[in-house]
Protein backbone atom coordinates (compact mmCIF):
# COMPACT_ATOMS: atom_id res chain seq x y z
CA UNK A 1 -14.85 -4.76 -15.65
CA UNK A 2 -11.67 -7.09 -15.59
CA UNK A 3 -11.67 -10.56 -12.98
CA UNK A 4 -8.51 -11.78 -11.42
CA UNK A 5 -8.13 -15.54 -11.80
CA UNK A 6 -10.25 -16.07 -7.82
CA UNK A 7 -12.88 -14.58 -8.69
CA UNK A 8 -15.34 -16.76 -9.01
CA UNK A 9 -14.01 -18.56 -5.54
CA UNK A 10 -14.95 -15.23 -4.48
CA UNK A 11 -18.32 -15.19 -6.03
CA UNK A 12 -18.98 -18.69 -4.87
CA UNK A 13 -17.62 -17.88 -0.74
CA UNK A 14 -20.61 -15.07 -1.58
CA UNK A 15 -18.35 -12.19 -1.15
CA UNK A 16 -19.84 -8.66 -2.14
CA UNK A 17 -18.20 -7.83 -5.46
CA UNK A 18 -17.81 -4.52 -6.48
CA UNK A 19 -16.06 -2.50 -9.50
CA UNK A 20 -12.22 -1.58 -7.95
CA UNK A 21 -9.78 -0.18 -10.45
CA UNK A 22 -11.14 -1.43 -13.11
CA UNK A 23 -11.58 -5.48 -11.61
CA UNK A 24 -14.52 -7.28 -9.83
CA UNK A 25 -13.14 -7.29 -6.76
CA UNK A 26 -13.76 -8.97 -2.91
CA UNK A 27 -15.03 -5.76 -1.05
CA UNK A 28 -16.22 -7.89 2.49
CA UNK A 29 -17.46 -11.34 3.05
CA UNK A 30 -18.59 -11.93 6.67
CA UNK A 31 -18.11 -8.19 7.37
CA UNK A 32 -15.31 -5.90 8.29
CA UNK A 33 -14.82 -5.75 11.37
CA UNK A 34 -14.29 -9.38 11.60
CA UNK A 35 -12.11 -9.83 8.50
CA UNK A 36 -9.95 -6.95 10.59
CA UNK A 37 -9.59 -8.23 14.21
CA UNK A 38 -8.79 -11.94 11.99
CA UNK A 39 -5.55 -10.31 10.84
CA UNK A 40 -4.73 -8.11 13.59
CA UNK A 41 -5.21 -11.61 15.59
CA UNK A 42 -4.80 -14.56 13.32
CA UNK A 43 -4.37 -14.60 9.65
CA UNK A 44 -6.48 -13.89 6.71
CA UNK A 45 -5.86 -13.92 3.04
CA UNK A 46 -6.53 -11.24 0.60
CA UNK A 47 -6.46 -11.51 -3.09
CA UNK A 48 -4.94 -8.29 -4.39
CA UNK A 49 -3.78 -9.54 -7.93
CA UNK A 50 -5.31 -6.21 -9.29
CA UNK A 51 -1.77 -5.03 -8.79
CA UNK A 52 0.70 -4.33 -11.33
CA UNK A 53 4.07 -5.50 -11.99
CA UNK A 54 6.59 -4.46 -14.25
CA UNK A 55 9.95 -6.32 -14.49
CA UNK A 56 13.10 -3.89 -15.66
CA UNK A 57 15.98 -6.22 -17.31
CA UNK A 58 19.29 -4.71 -18.75
CA UNK A 59 22.50 -3.15 -17.66
CA UNK A 60 20.73 0.20 -17.38
CA UNK A 61 17.54 -0.42 -15.48
CA UNK A 62 18.91 0.96 -12.13
CA UNK A 63 19.93 3.81 -13.83
CA UNK A 64 16.52 3.82 -14.86
CA UNK A 65 15.36 3.29 -11.75
CA UNK A 66 16.79 5.65 -10.19
CA UNK A 67 15.66 8.41 -12.68
CA UNK A 68 12.17 8.02 -12.43
CA UNK A 69 12.12 6.85 -8.55
CA UNK A 70 12.34 9.00 -5.33
CA UNK A 71 14.27 6.81 -2.70
CA UNK A 72 17.62 5.17 -3.31
CA UNK A 73 17.60 2.44 -5.19
CA UNK A 74 21.46 1.92 -5.40
CA UNK A 75 20.63 1.11 -1.63
CA UNK A 76 19.16 -2.26 -2.79
CA UNK A 77 20.95 -6.00 -2.15
CA UNK A 78 19.55 -9.17 -4.39
CA UNK A 79 16.42 -10.29 -2.24
CA UNK A 80 15.65 -6.58 -0.81
CA UNK A 81 12.03 -4.24 -1.42
CA UNK A 82 12.21 -0.88 -0.95
CA UNK A 83 9.02 1.36 -0.64
CA UNK A 84 9.46 3.81 -3.15
CA UNK A 85 7.14 6.96 -5.64
CA UNK A 86 7.69 8.52 -8.85
CA UNK A 87 7.93 11.92 -8.94
CA UNK A 88 5.54 13.70 -11.36
CA UNK A 89 7.16 16.98 -12.94
CA UNK A 90 5.10 19.03 -11.02
CA UNK A 91 5.53 18.04 -6.83
CA UNK A 92 2.81 15.72 -7.26
CA UNK A 93 3.66 11.89 -7.11
CA UNK A 94 2.29 9.32 -9.73
CA UNK A 95 2.16 6.28 -7.55
CA UNK A 96 4.02 4.78 -4.94
CA UNK A 97 5.23 1.57 -5.58
CA UNK A 98 7.27 -1.45 -4.50
CA UNK A 99 10.61 -2.03 -5.87
CA UNK A 100 11.99 -5.86 -5.46
CA UNK A 101 15.92 -6.22 -6.73
CA UNK A 102 16.39 -9.37 -8.47
CA UNK A 103 19.41 -9.51 -9.58
CA UNK A 104 22.04 -6.84 -10.37
CA UNK A 105 20.34 -6.08 -14.04
CA UNK A 106 16.81 -7.47 -13.21
CA UNK A 107 14.31 -5.54 -10.76
CA UNK A 108 10.37 -5.85 -10.08
CA UNK A 109 7.71 -3.14 -9.53
CA UNK A 110 4.99 -4.03 -8.06
CA UNK A 111 2.31 -0.88 -8.62
CA UNK A 112 -1.73 0.71 -8.11
CA UNK A 113 -4.56 -1.02 -9.79
CA UNK A 114 -5.62 2.02 -10.94
CA UNK A 115 -2.31 3.08 -12.00
CA UNK A 116 -1.00 0.18 -14.47
CA UNK A 117 -1.17 2.05 -17.72
CA UNK A 118 -0.38 5.64 -16.54
CA UNK A 119 3.02 4.34 -14.62
CA UNK A 120 4.00 2.15 -17.70
CA UNK A 121 3.93 5.25 -19.95
CA UNK A 122 5.41 7.33 -17.67
CA UNK A 123 8.31 4.94 -16.97
CA UNK A 124 8.35 4.28 -20.66
CA UNK A 125 8.72 7.68 -21.40
CA UNK A 126 11.96 8.12 -19.53
CA UNK A 127 13.52 4.47 -20.73
CA UNK A 128 16.37 6.32 -22.97
CA UNK A 129 19.02 3.88 -21.58
CA UNK A 130 17.72 0.86 -23.47
CA UNK A 131 16.16 -1.28 -20.68
CA UNK A 132 14.20 -4.10 -21.57
CA UNK A 133 10.35 -3.49 -20.06
CA UNK A 134 8.20 -6.24 -19.49
CA UNK A 135 4.19 -5.38 -18.42
CA UNK A 136 3.42 -8.30 -16.37
CA UNK A 137 0.27 -7.51 -14.32
CA UNK A 138 -2.02 -9.57 -16.75
CA UNK A 139 -0.28 -12.90 -15.92
CA UNK A 140 0.82 -12.81 -12.58
CA UNK A 141 -1.63 -13.14 -9.20
CA UNK A 142 -0.89 -12.24 -6.35
CA UNK A 143 -2.27 -13.15 -2.42
CA UNK A 144 -1.31 -11.06 0.60
CA UNK A 145 -1.63 -13.28 3.38
CA UNK A 146 -1.52 -11.27 6.79
CA UNK A 147 -1.62 -11.77 10.61
CA UNK A 148 0.70 -12.79 13.34
CA UNK A 149 -0.32 -16.57 12.19
CA UNK A 150 0.81 -16.27 8.82
CA UNK A 151 4.52 -17.96 9.14
CA UNK A 152 2.92 -20.65 11.51
CA UNK A 153 0.42 -21.12 8.69
CA UNK A 154 2.34 -21.16 5.71
CA UNK A 155 5.81 -22.69 6.25
CA UNK A 156 4.26 -26.59 5.61
CA UNK A 157 4.42 -24.70 1.92
CA UNK A 158 7.58 -24.12 1.15
CA UNK A 159 11.41 -24.81 1.83
CA UNK A 160 11.90 -21.02 1.89
CA UNK A 161 12.63 -20.12 6.33
CA UNK A 162 9.50 -17.97 6.67
CA UNK A 163 10.18 -17.25 9.93
CA UNK A 164 13.54 -15.91 9.33
CA UNK A 165 12.34 -13.68 6.67
CA UNK A 166 12.58 -9.97 7.51
CA UNK A 167 10.64 -7.64 6.79
CA UNK A 168 10.96 -5.77 3.31
CA UNK A 169 12.64 -8.84 1.79
CA UNK A 170 11.84 -11.60 -0.36
CA UNK A 171 12.93 -15.32 -2.15
CA UNK A 172 11.96 -17.28 -4.73
CA UNK A 173 11.29 -20.80 -4.27
CA UNK A 174 8.42 -23.49 -4.37
CA UNK A 175 5.50 -22.83 -2.94
CA UNK A 176 2.53 -25.18 -2.62
CA UNK A 177 4.35 -27.20 -5.03
CA UNK A 178 4.72 -24.40 -7.50
CA UNK A 179 7.97 -23.40 -8.71
CA UNK A 180 9.41 -19.70 -9.20
CA UNK A 181 6.89 -18.06 -6.27
CA UNK A 182 8.02 -15.02 -5.25
CA UNK A 183 7.39 -14.94 -1.44
CA UNK A 184 7.58 -11.27 0.51
CA UNK A 185 7.83 -10.21 3.88
CA UNK A 186 5.51 -7.23 2.75
CA UNK A 187 1.97 -6.42 3.01
CA UNK A 188 -0.12 -2.91 3.91
CA UNK A 189 -1.59 -4.20 7.18
CA UNK A 190 0.64 -3.39 9.78
CA UNK A 191 0.12 -6.94 11.18
CA UNK A 192 3.45 -9.02 9.68
CA UNK A 193 2.90 -11.44 6.60
CA UNK A 194 3.66 -11.97 3.28
CA UNK A 195 2.69 -11.46 0.11
CA UNK A 196 3.13 -14.43 -2.32
CA UNK A 197 3.58 -13.94 -6.61
CA UNK A 198 2.67 -16.54 -9.11
CA UNK A 199 0.84 -17.19 -12.41
CA UNK A 200 -2.68 -17.13 -12.45
CA UNK A 201 -3.05 -20.88 -13.84
CA UNK A 202 -1.68 -21.91 -10.43
CA UNK A 203 -3.74 -19.20 -8.28
CA UNK A 204 -6.47 -22.10 -7.99
CA UNK A 205 -4.44 -24.62 -6.35
CA UNK A 206 -2.40 -22.33 -4.52
CA UNK A 207 -5.87 -20.89 -2.92
CA UNK A 208 -6.71 -23.96 -2.01
CA UNK A 209 -3.31 -24.89 -0.28
CA UNK A 210 -3.01 -21.95 1.28
CA UNK A 211 -6.28 -22.42 3.08
CA UNK A 212 -5.66 -26.14 3.79
CA UNK A 213 -2.58 -25.28 5.19
CA UNK A 214 -4.23 -22.54 7.53
CA UNK A 215 -6.93 -24.23 8.82
CA UNK A 216 -6.24 -25.12 11.76
CA UNK A 217 -5.70 -21.29 12.21
CA UNK A 218 -8.89 -20.00 11.89
CA UNK A 219 -7.76 -18.62 8.37
CA UNK A 220 -10.18 -16.70 6.17
CA UNK A 221 -10.36 -14.52 3.40
CA UNK A 222 -10.53 -10.58 3.55
CA UNK A 223 -11.50 -7.94 1.33
CA UNK A 224 -10.64 -4.47 0.53
CA UNK A 225 -12.33 -2.73 3.16
CA UNK A 226 -10.54 -4.51 5.74
CA UNK A 227 -7.50 -3.65 4.24
CA UNK A 228 -8.32 -0.28 4.17
CA UNK A 229 -9.41 -0.01 7.56
CA UNK A 230 -5.79 -1.96 8.48
CA UNK A 231 -3.62 0.43 6.51
CA UNK A 232 -5.86 3.52 7.85
CA UNK A 233 -4.63 2.27 11.21
CA UNK A 234 -1.60 2.07 10.15
CA UNK A 235 -0.99 5.36 8.87
CA UNK A 236 -0.10 3.96 5.03
CA UNK A 237 -0.73 6.53 2.13
CA UNK A 238 -3.59 5.10 0.29
CA UNK A 239 -3.43 6.48 -3.51
CA UNK A 240 -5.88 8.72 -4.73
CA UNK A 241 -6.79 9.32 -1.07
CA UNK A 242 -3.63 10.76 0.69
CA UNK A 243 -1.39 10.82 -2.12
CA UNK A 244 -2.28 11.76 -5.94
CA UNK A 245 -0.96 13.98 -9.15
CA UNK A 246 -0.94 16.97 -7.00
CA UNK A 247 0.28 16.07 -3.71
CA UNK A 248 4.34 16.23 -2.84
CA UNK A 249 6.01 13.56 -0.99
CA UNK A 250 7.38 16.06 1.28
CA UNK A 251 3.47 17.49 1.73
CA UNK A 252 2.49 13.51 2.76
CA UNK A 253 5.16 12.80 5.05
CA UNK A 254 7.35 10.59 3.09
CA UNK A 255 10.68 12.46 3.06
CA UNK A 256 12.18 9.69 4.25
CA UNK A 257 11.21 8.19 0.83
CA UNK A 258 12.83 11.10 -1.10
CA UNK A 259 16.97 11.23 -0.91
CA UNK A 260 18.36 14.01 -2.77
CA UNK A 261 21.83 11.64 -2.63
CA UNK A 262 21.06 11.28 -6.24
CA UNK A 263 19.08 13.23 -9.11
CA UNK A 264 15.37 12.32 -10.36
CA UNK A 265 12.63 13.30 -11.58
CA UNK A 266 11.57 16.88 -10.25
CA UNK A 267 14.70 16.20 -7.41
CA UNK A 268 15.40 20.46 -7.03
CA UNK A 269 11.87 21.72 -6.92
CA UNK A 270 10.85 18.74 -3.69
CA UNK A 271 14.83 19.52 -2.55
CA UNK A 272 13.80 23.08 -2.28
CA UNK A 273 10.32 22.55 -0.28
CA UNK A 274 12.66 20.35 2.40
CA UNK A 275 14.51 23.24 2.77
CA UNK A 276 12.10 25.94 2.74
CA UNK A 277 9.27 24.31 3.79
CA UNK A 278 5.84 23.38 2.83
CA UNK A 279 2.17 24.82 3.28
CA UNK A 280 0.32 22.19 4.08
CA UNK A 281 0.88 18.80 5.50
CA UNK A 282 -0.65 15.43 5.71
CA UNK A 283 -1.58 14.87 9.19
CA UNK A 284 -3.23 12.04 11.47
CA UNK A 285 -6.08 13.15 13.80
CA UNK A 286 -8.30 11.35 16.20
CA UNK A 287 -11.95 12.93 17.13
CA UNK A 288 -12.50 13.61 20.47
CA UNK A 289 -16.00 13.58 19.78
CA UNK A 290 -18.97 11.82 18.28
CA UNK A 291 -18.86 11.06 14.81
CA UNK A 292 -16.80 9.43 11.54
CA UNK A 293 -14.74 11.43 9.64
CA UNK A 294 -14.43 10.81 5.63
CA UNK A 295 -12.87 11.15 2.65
CA UNK A 296 -13.59 14.87 1.41
CA UNK A 297 -15.04 16.14 4.47
CA UNK A 298 -13.62 20.13 5.84
CA UNK A 299 -11.11 20.68 8.41
CA UNK A 300 -11.47 23.88 9.86
CA UNK A 301 -10.48 25.91 13.04
CA UNK A 302 -12.14 26.91 16.09
CA UNK A 303 -12.96 29.64 14.40
CA UNK A 304 -14.69 27.25 11.54
CA UNK A 305 -12.25 28.66 8.74
CA UNK A 306 -11.79 25.82 6.41
CA UNK A 307 -7.47 24.77 7.18
CA UNK A 308 -7.59 21.47 5.46
CA UNK A 309 -9.38 18.54 4.00
CA UNK A 310 -9.67 15.31 5.00
CA UNK A 311 -8.20 12.29 3.03
CA UNK A 312 -8.84 9.11 4.33
CA UNK A 313 -10.90 8.58 7.45
CA UNK A 314 -12.94 5.49 9.47
CA UNK A 315 -14.33 4.22 12.54
CA UNK A 316 -10.96 1.77 13.56
CA UNK A 317 -12.30 -1.45 14.60
CA UNK A 318 -9.14 -2.02 16.81
CA UNK A 319 -9.00 1.02 18.75
CA UNK A 320 -12.79 1.74 19.12
CA UNK A 321 -12.44 5.28 17.98
CA UNK A 322 -12.67 7.54 14.95
CA UNK A 323 -9.45 8.25 12.94
CA UNK A 324 -8.20 9.81 10.11
CA UNK A 325 -5.83 11.90 7.78
CA UNK A 326 -5.87 14.92 5.75
CA UNK A 327 -3.89 18.16 4.62
CA UNK A 328 -3.94 20.70 6.86
CA UNK A 329 -1.60 24.03 6.41
CA UNK A 330 1.27 23.90 8.50
CA UNK A 331 0.68 25.77 11.43
CA UNK A 332 -1.57 23.35 12.34
CA UNK A 333 0.06 20.05 12.03
CA UNK A 334 2.10 19.98 15.08
CA UNK A 335 1.06 16.73 17.21
CA UNK A 336 -1.93 17.47 20.14
CA UNK A 337 -3.08 20.60 17.82
CA UNK A 338 -6.83 20.94 18.27
CA UNK A 339 -8.41 20.86 14.73
CA UNK A 340 -12.24 20.20 13.84
CA UNK A 341 -14.10 17.93 11.33
CA UNK A 342 -17.50 19.48 9.43
CA UNK A 343 -19.45 16.90 9.43
CA UNK A 344 -22.16 17.89 7.67
CA UNK A 345 -23.50 21.03 9.37
CA UNK A 346 -21.70 20.67 12.65
CA UNK A 347 -17.83 20.84 13.70
CA UNK A 348 -16.56 17.78 15.57
CA UNK A 349 -13.32 18.39 17.88
CA UNK A 350 -10.48 16.48 17.08
CA UNK A 351 -6.29 16.35 17.60
CA UNK A 352 -3.21 15.79 15.76
CA UNK A 353 -1.55 12.85 16.96
CA UNK A 354 1.56 10.24 16.11
CA UNK A 355 1.65 7.69 14.09
CA UNK A 356 0.74 4.47 13.43
CA UNK A 357 -2.63 5.03 15.19
CA UNK A 358 -2.11 1.18 15.91
CA UNK A 359 0.89 -0.12 18.15
CA UNK A 360 0.69 -3.37 17.87
């Protein structure tokens, strides 16, 4: 089991630690609901140093990214971030990721912890363009500092104007006295904030400075359990739950990051899917009776016939109602359609709703 540079701090703080993607990670400190509300209402800090970072350099760096990702990275300018995915040859997704354009010939790709080796091998396999690739995942720490008070809490630590940073942009500068820190206006919570990338050796110092600066805002450490409830309220896909090697971006509602203005891995097949339609779609639903949907539960119609499966589900801490995502046959994907979630032996009624669940 790998540790992050901050594992010892989480243990000292009394976090409940769990194995996650090969890492020893904090799942919660005070409790999921309290931590969730901290991020929605003020500011919280996640250690997400388990994520992977690859650097691609050279005159063909963009060409390689265009070949392996579904989104159009030629639209990026320096300091811009893009959400994308790596399609496989079978209509599924190798991983979803963020693409950072540092310069015309240098990019950083941020990938999911559980897929670091798989993604590295996949991109390497398509690198017949002489692009210099570096896997810096083990050297970089990452904090996601999220919530409406994040900019105000952190501004004293950097000369970068956090208040004027647009969503999905980044700057590289000094943060808490440390040079060459990537400060990115990204995150997976829907409550705004920043993701901060830096070397492992600076992790403890930056963690302490962040908590000192955020003290008057009631800043708190947040575990992975609240990260999951926060992203689910936004309807953001989680790799391994809502998307995987067998789900296509078109089925998953990720057509907006699948651009057919260029050729990429399996683009012809995905284009055909988009034109001809798919047999199943990822939908959002709210339960209309008591019960909680969980990953793997069957979704049935009024006659009890299986029409799909739940991929993510929880009791929303903000909305105080049971919500979820799941794949259903396309005929049941329209908004307000009644579906049923098989919870143990009972079929609980639910209705298909529009995302996000949490409107902010």
